Amino acid sequence: MEYHESICGWEKCAEIHKLLQSYGYILTKCHGQCIYHLPGLEQELQSLGRLQINYDWHE
């Protein structure tokens, strides 16, 4: 899934982020890309590079 505030607006992005969090997903950023995943799967992402785990989507 791809979303960006220039496409759907800041409010919709915030709504999507909160919805994904409510389902138990956390946001990890890697090379500027957002990856939502279930807690505990960070180890599976380590091969992608430097991870910023539990990151806020708009930072």
PDB file of N, CA and C in Angstrom:
ATOM      1  N   MET A   1       0.852  -1.162   0.000  1.00  0.00           N
ATOM      2  CA  MET A   1       0.000   0.000   0.000  1.00  0.00           C
ATOM      3  C   MET A   1       0.899   1.226   0.000  1.00  0.00           C
ATOM      4  N   GLU A   2       0.527   2.170  -0.784  1.00  0.00           N
ATOM      5  CA  GLU A   2       1.304   3.409  -0.802  1.00  0.00           C
ATOM      6  C   GLU A   2       0.355   4.579  -0.600  1.00  0.00           C
ATOM      7  N   TYR A   3       0.737   5.447   0.300  1.00  0.00           N
ATOM      8  CA  TYR A   3      -0.024   6.675   0.500  1.00  0.00           C
ATOM      9  C   TYR A   3       0.942   7.796   0.822  1.00  0.00           C
ATOM     10  N   HIS A   4       0.529   8.993   0.462  1.00  0.00           N
ATOM     11  CA  HIS A   4       1.376  10.156   0.679  1.00  0.00           C
ATOM     12  C   HIS A   4       0.464  11.345   0.871  1.00  0.00           C
ATOM     13  N   GLU A   5       0.875  12.255   1.732  1.00  0.00           N
ATOM     14  CA  GLU A   5      -0.004  13.389   2.007  1.00  0.00           C
ATOM     15  C   GLU A   5      -0.265  14.265   0.791  1.00  0.00           C
ATOM     16  N   SER A   6       0.605  14.258  -0.199  1.00  0.00           N
ATOM     17  CA  SER A   6       0.320  15.030  -1.407  1.00  0.00           C
ATOM     18  C   SER A   6      -0.735  14.345  -2.272  1.00  0.00           C
ATOM     19  N   ILE A   7      -0.996  13.065  -2.013  1.00  0.00           N
ATOM     20  CA  ILE A   7      -2.005  12.316  -2.759  1.00  0.00           C
ATOM     21  C   ILE A   7      -3.363  12.381  -2.050  1.00  0.00           C
ATOM     22  N   CYS A   8      -3.369  12.066  -0.753  1.00  0.00           N
ATOM     23  CA  CYS A   8      -4.656  11.959  -0.047  1.00  0.00           C
ATOM     24  C   CYS A   8      -4.809  12.972   1.082  1.00  0.00           C
ATOM     25  N   GLY A   9      -3.789  13.762   1.352  1.00  0.00           N
ATOM     26  CA  GLY A   9      -3.875  14.766   2.406  1.00  0.00           C
ATOM     27  C   GLY A   9      -3.351  14.264   3.743  1.00  0.00           C
ATOM     28  N   TRP A  10      -2.916  15.226   4.560  1.00  0.00           N
ATOM     29  CA  TRP A  10      -2.318  14.918   5.857  1.00  0.00           C
ATOM     30  C   TRP A  10      -3.297  14.172   6.765  1.00  0.00           C
ATOM     31  N   GLU A  11      -4.552  14.619   6.799  1.00  0.00           N
ATOM     32  CA  GLU A  11      -5.538  14.023   7.698  1.00  0.00           C
ATOM     33  C   GLU A  11      -5.786  12.555   7.362  1.00  0.00           C
ATOM     34  N   LYS A  12      -5.894  12.234   6.076  1.00  0.00           N
ATOM     35  CA  LYS A  12      -6.128  10.852   5.658  1.00  0.00           C
ATOM     36  C   LYS A  12      -4.918   9.979   5.990  1.00  0.00           C
ATOM     37  N   CYS A  13      -3.721  10.513   5.808  1.00  0.00           N
ATOM     38  CA  CYS A  13      -2.512   9.760   6.172  1.00  0.00           C
ATOM     39  C   CYS A  13      -2.497   9.455   7.665  1.00  0.00           C
ATOM     40  N   ALA A  14      -2.844  10.435   8.478  1.00  0.00           N
ATOM     41  CA  ALA A  14      -2.896  10.234   9.928  1.00  0.00           C
ATOM     42  C   ALA A  14      -3.945   9.189  10.280  1.00  0.00           C
ATOM     43  N   GLU A  15      -5.085   9.236   9.602  1.00  0.00           N
ATOM     44  CA  GLU A  15      -6.156   8.267   9.842  1.00  0.00           C
ATOM     45  C   GLU A  15      -5.704   6.845   9.495  1.00  0.00           C
ATOM     46  N   ILE A  16      -5.038   6.688   8.357  1.00  0.00           N
ATOM     47  CA  ILE A  16      -4.535   5.376   7.930  1.00  0.00           C
ATOM     48  C   ILE A  16      -3.511   4.859   8.933  1.00  0.00           C
ATOM     49  N   HIS A  17      -2.603   5.724   9.368  1.00  0.00           N
ATOM     50  CA  HIS A  17      -1.575   5.328  10.333  1.00  0.00           C
ATOM     51  C   HIS A  17      -2.223   4.845  11.634  1.00  0.00           C
ATOM     52  N   LYS A  18      -3.185   5.594  12.143  1.00  0.00           N
ATOM     53  CA  LYS A  18      -3.866   5.200  13.384  1.00  0.00           C
ATOM     54  C   LYS A  18      -4.621   3.889  13.207  1.00  0.00           C
ATOM     55  N   LEU A  19      -5.228   3.688  12.059  1.00  0.00           N
ATOM     56  CA  LEU A  19      -5.941   2.446  11.794  1.00  0.00           C
ATOM     57  C   LEU A  19      -4.983   1.255  11.806  1.00  0.00           C
ATOM     58  N   LEU A  20      -3.852   1.398  11.118  1.00  0.00           N
ATOM     59  CA  LEU A  20      -2.871   0.309  11.104  1.00  0.00           C
ATOM     60  C   LEU A  20      -2.343   0.026  12.508  1.00  0.00           C
ATOM     61  N   GLN A  21      -2.106   1.087  13.284  1.00  0.00           N
ATOM     62  CA  GLN A  21      -1.665   0.896  14.668  1.00  0.00           C
ATOM     63  C   GLN A  21      -2.729   0.168  15.479  1.00  0.00           C
ATOM     64  N   SER A  22      -3.992   0.479  15.249  1.00  0.00           N
ATOM     65  CA  SER A  22      -5.074  -0.161  16.006  1.00  0.00           C
ATOM     66  C   SER A  22      -5.154  -1.658  15.719  1.00  0.00           C
ATOM     67  N   TYR A  23      -4.660  -2.071  14.549  1.00  0.00           N
ATOM     68  CA  TYR A  23      -4.608  -3.486  14.201  1.00  0.00           C
ATOM     69  C   TYR A  23      -3.338  -4.160  14.712  1.00  0.00           C
ATOM     70  N   GLY A  24      -2.488  -3.401  15.415  1.00  0.00           N
ATOM     71  CA  GLY A  24      -1.293  -3.971  16.020  1.00  0.00           C
ATOM     72  C   GLY A  24      -0.019  -3.806  15.225  1.00  0.00           C
ATOM     73  N   TYR A  25      -0.080  -3.107  14.101  1.00  0.00           N
ATOM     74  CA  TYR A  25       1.121  -2.907  13.298  1.00  0.00           C
ATOM     75  C   TYR A  25       1.956  -1.755  13.851  1.00  0.00           C
ATOM     76  N   ILE A  26       3.268  -1.861  13.663  1.00  0.00           N
ATOM     77  CA  ILE A  26       4.160  -0.757  13.987  1.00  0.00           C
ATOM     78  C   ILE A  26       4.844  -0.320  12.696  1.00  0.00           C
ATOM     79  N   LEU A  27       5.295   0.911  12.699  1.00  0.00           N
ATOM     80  CA  LEU A  27       5.939   1.474  11.517  1.00  0.00           C
ATOM     81  C   LEU A  27       7.447   1.479  11.700  1.00  0.00           C
ATOM     82  N   THR A  28       8.119   0.943  10.707  1.00  0.00           N
ATOM     83  CA  THR A  28       9.572   1.001  10.654  1.00  0.00           C
ATOM     84  C   THR A  28       9.942   1.710   9.361  1.00  0.00           C
ATOM     85  N   LYS A  29      10.900   2.605   9.442  1.00  0.00           N
ATOM     86  CA  LYS A  29      11.397   3.271   8.242  1.00  0.00           C
ATOM     87  C   LYS A  29      12.766   2.710   7.895  1.00  0.00           C
ATOM     88  N   CYS A  30      12.971   2.548   6.605  1.00  0.00           N
ATOM     89  CA  CYS A  30      14.249   2.051   6.096  1.00  0.00           C
ATOM     90  C   CYS A  30      14.507   2.745   4.764  1.00  0.00           C
ATOM     91  N   HIS A  31      15.592   3.499   4.685  1.00  0.00           N
ATOM     92  CA  HIS A  31      15.935   4.246   3.472  1.00  0.00           C
ATOM     93  C   HIS A  31      14.780   5.150   3.026  1.00  0.00           C
ATOM     94  N   GLY A  32      14.088   5.747   3.986  1.00  0.00           N
ATOM     95  CA  GLY A  32      13.003   6.661   3.680  1.00  0.00           C
ATOM     96  C   GLY A  32      11.672   6.005   3.351  1.00  0.00           C
ATOM     97  N   GLN A  33      11.645   4.691   3.322  1.00  0.00           N
ATOM     98  CA  GLN A  33      10.418   3.958   3.019  1.00  0.00           C
ATOM     99  C   GLN A  33       9.745   3.505   4.310  1.00  0.00           C
ATOM    100  N   CYS A  34       8.431   3.534   4.334  1.00  0.00           N
ATOM    101  CA  CYS A  34       7.655   3.091   5.494  1.00  0.00           C
ATOM    102  C   CYS A  34       7.270   1.626   5.319  1.00  0.00           C
ATOM    103  N   ILE A  35       7.512   0.840   6.359  1.00  0.00           N
ATOM    104  CA  ILE A  35       7.139  -0.574   6.351  1.00  0.00           C
ATOM    105  C   ILE A  35       6.322  -0.830   7.614  1.00  0.00           C
ATOM    106  N   TYR A  36       5.062  -1.194   7.442  1.00  0.00           N
ATOM    107  CA  TYR A  36       4.231  -1.572   8.576  1.00  0.00           C
ATOM    108  C   TYR A  36       4.337  -3.082   8.762  1.00  0.00           C
ATOM    109  N   HIS A  37       4.544  -3.492  10.005  1.00  0.00           N
ATOM    110  CA  HIS A  37       4.694  -4.919  10.294  1.00  0.00           C
ATOM    111  C   HIS A  37       4.231  -5.194  11.718  1.00  0.00           C
ATOM    112  N   LEU A  38       4.073  -6.449  12.014  1.00  0.00           N
ATOM    113  CA  LEU A  38       3.693  -6.843  13.366  1.00  0.00           C
ATOM    114  C   LEU A  38       4.908  -6.786  14.283  1.00  0.00           C
ATOM    115  N   PRO A  39       4.705  -6.441  15.550  1.00  0.00           N
ATOM    116  CA  PRO A  39       5.829  -6.399  16.495  1.00  0.00           C
ATOM    117  C   PRO A  39       6.543  -7.751  16.540  1.00  0.00           C
ATOM    118  N   GLY A  40       7.842  -7.680  16.662  1.00  0.00           N
ATOM    119  CA  GLY A  40       8.653  -8.885  16.745  1.00  0.00           C
ATOM    120  C   GLY A  40       9.240  -9.315  15.419  1.00  0.00           C
ATOM    121  N   LEU A  41       8.827  -8.700  14.330  1.00  0.00           N
ATOM    122  CA  LEU A  41       9.346  -9.086  13.017  1.00  0.00           C
ATOM    123  C   LEU A  41      10.487  -8.195  12.547  1.00  0.00           C
ATOM    124  N   GLU A  42      10.971  -7.339  13.439  1.00  0.00           N
ATOM    125  CA  GLU A  42      12.060  -6.433  13.075  1.00  0.00           C
ATOM    126  C   GLU A  42      13.288  -7.197  12.589  1.00  0.00           C
ATOM    127  N   GLN A  43      13.547  -8.335  13.185  1.00  0.00           N
ATOM    128  CA  GLN A  43      14.712  -9.148  12.818  1.00  0.00           C
ATOM    129  C   GLN A  43      14.654  -9.550  11.343  1.00  0.00           C
ATOM    130  N   GLU A  44      13.458  -9.789  10.850  1.00  0.00           N
ATOM    131  CA  GLU A  44      13.290 -10.172   9.449  1.00  0.00           C
ATOM    132  C   GLU A  44      13.644  -9.030   8.496  1.00  0.00           C
ATOM    133  N   LEU A  45      13.611  -7.801   8.984  1.00  0.00           N
ATOM    134  CA  LEU A  45      13.877  -6.631   8.150  1.00  0.00           C
ATOM    135  C   LEU A  45      15.332  -6.173   8.213  1.00  0.00           C
ATOM    136  N   GLN A  46      16.116  -6.728   9.112  1.00  0.00           N
ATOM    137  CA  GLN A  46      17.493  -6.275   9.333  1.00  0.00           C
ATOM    138  C   GLN A  46      18.340  -6.293   8.064  1.00  0.00           C
ATOM    139  N   SER A  47      18.084  -7.228   7.175  1.00  0.00           N
ATOM    140  CA  SER A  47      18.910  -7.325   5.958  1.00  0.00           C
ATOM    141  C   SER A  47      18.667  -6.164   4.994  1.00  0.00           C
ATOM    142  N   LEU A  48      17.610  -5.394   5.215  1.00  0.00           N
ATOM    143  CA  LEU A  48      17.307  -4.257   4.340  1.00  0.00           C
ATOM    144  C   LEU A  48      18.199  -3.050   4.605  1.00  0.00           C
ATOM    145  N   GLY A  49      18.800  -2.993   5.790  1.00  0.00           N
ATOM    146  CA  GLY A  49      19.655  -1.860   6.129  1.00  0.00           C
ATOM    147  C   GLY A  49      19.282  -1.268   7.469  1.00  0.00           C
ATOM    148  N   ARG A  50      19.689  -0.017   7.687  1.00  0.00           N
ATOM    149  CA  ARG A  50      19.434   0.678   8.958  1.00  0.00           C
ATOM    150  C   ARG A  50      17.942   0.899   9.137  1.00  0.00           C
ATOM    151  N   LEU A  51      17.415   0.417  10.241  1.00  0.00           N
ATOM    152  CA  LEU A  51      15.987   0.508  10.532  1.00  0.00           C
ATOM    153  C   LEU A  51      15.720   1.559  11.602  1.00  0.00           C
ATOM    154  N   GLN A  52      14.645   2.286  11.427  1.00  0.00           N
ATOM    155  CA  GLN A  52      14.142   3.207  12.447  1.00  0.00           C
ATOM    156  C   GLN A  52      12.805   2.620  12.896  1.00  0.00           C
ATOM    157  N   ILE A  53      12.839   1.881  13.990  1.00  0.00           N
ATOM    158  CA  ILE A  53      11.704   1.083  14.445  1.00  0.00           C
ATOM    159  C   ILE A  53      10.757   1.924  15.286  1.00  0.00           C
ATOM    160  N   ASN A  54       9.449   1.670  15.105  1.00  0.00           N
ATOM    161  CA  ASN A  54       8.380   2.368  15.826  1.00  0.00           C
ATOM    162  C   ASN A  54       8.449   3.860  15.561  1.00  0.00           C
ATOM    163  N   TYR A  55       8.554   4.201  14.304  1.00  0.00           N
ATOM    164  CA  TYR A  55       8.762   5.576  13.842  1.00  0.00           C
ATOM    165  C   TYR A  55       7.414   6.242  13.622  1.00  0.00           C
ATOM    166  N   ASP A  56       7.388   7.550  13.736  1.00  0.00           N
ATOM    167  CA  ASP A  56       6.172   8.316  13.464  1.00  0.00           C
ATOM    168  C   ASP A  56       6.120   8.606  11.971  1.00  0.00           C
ATOM    169  N   TRP A  57       5.013   8.359  11.335  1.00  0.00           N
ATOM    170  CA  TRP A  57       4.912   8.425   9.876  1.00  0.00           C
ATOM    171  C   TRP A  57       5.229   9.793   9.292  1.00  0.00           C
ATOM    172  N   HIS A  58       4.985  10.868   9.997  1.00  0.00           N
ATOM    173  CA  HIS A  58       5.161  12.189   9.394  1.00  0.00           C
ATOM    174  C   HIS A  58       6.495  12.835   9.723  1.00  0.00           C
ATOM    175  N   GLU A  59       7.387  12.141  10.348  1.00  0.00           N
ATOM    176  CA  GLU A  59       8.712  12.717  10.642  1.00  0.00           C
ATOM    177  C   GLU A  59       9.669  12.424   9.514  1.00  0.00           C
TER     178      GLU A  59
END
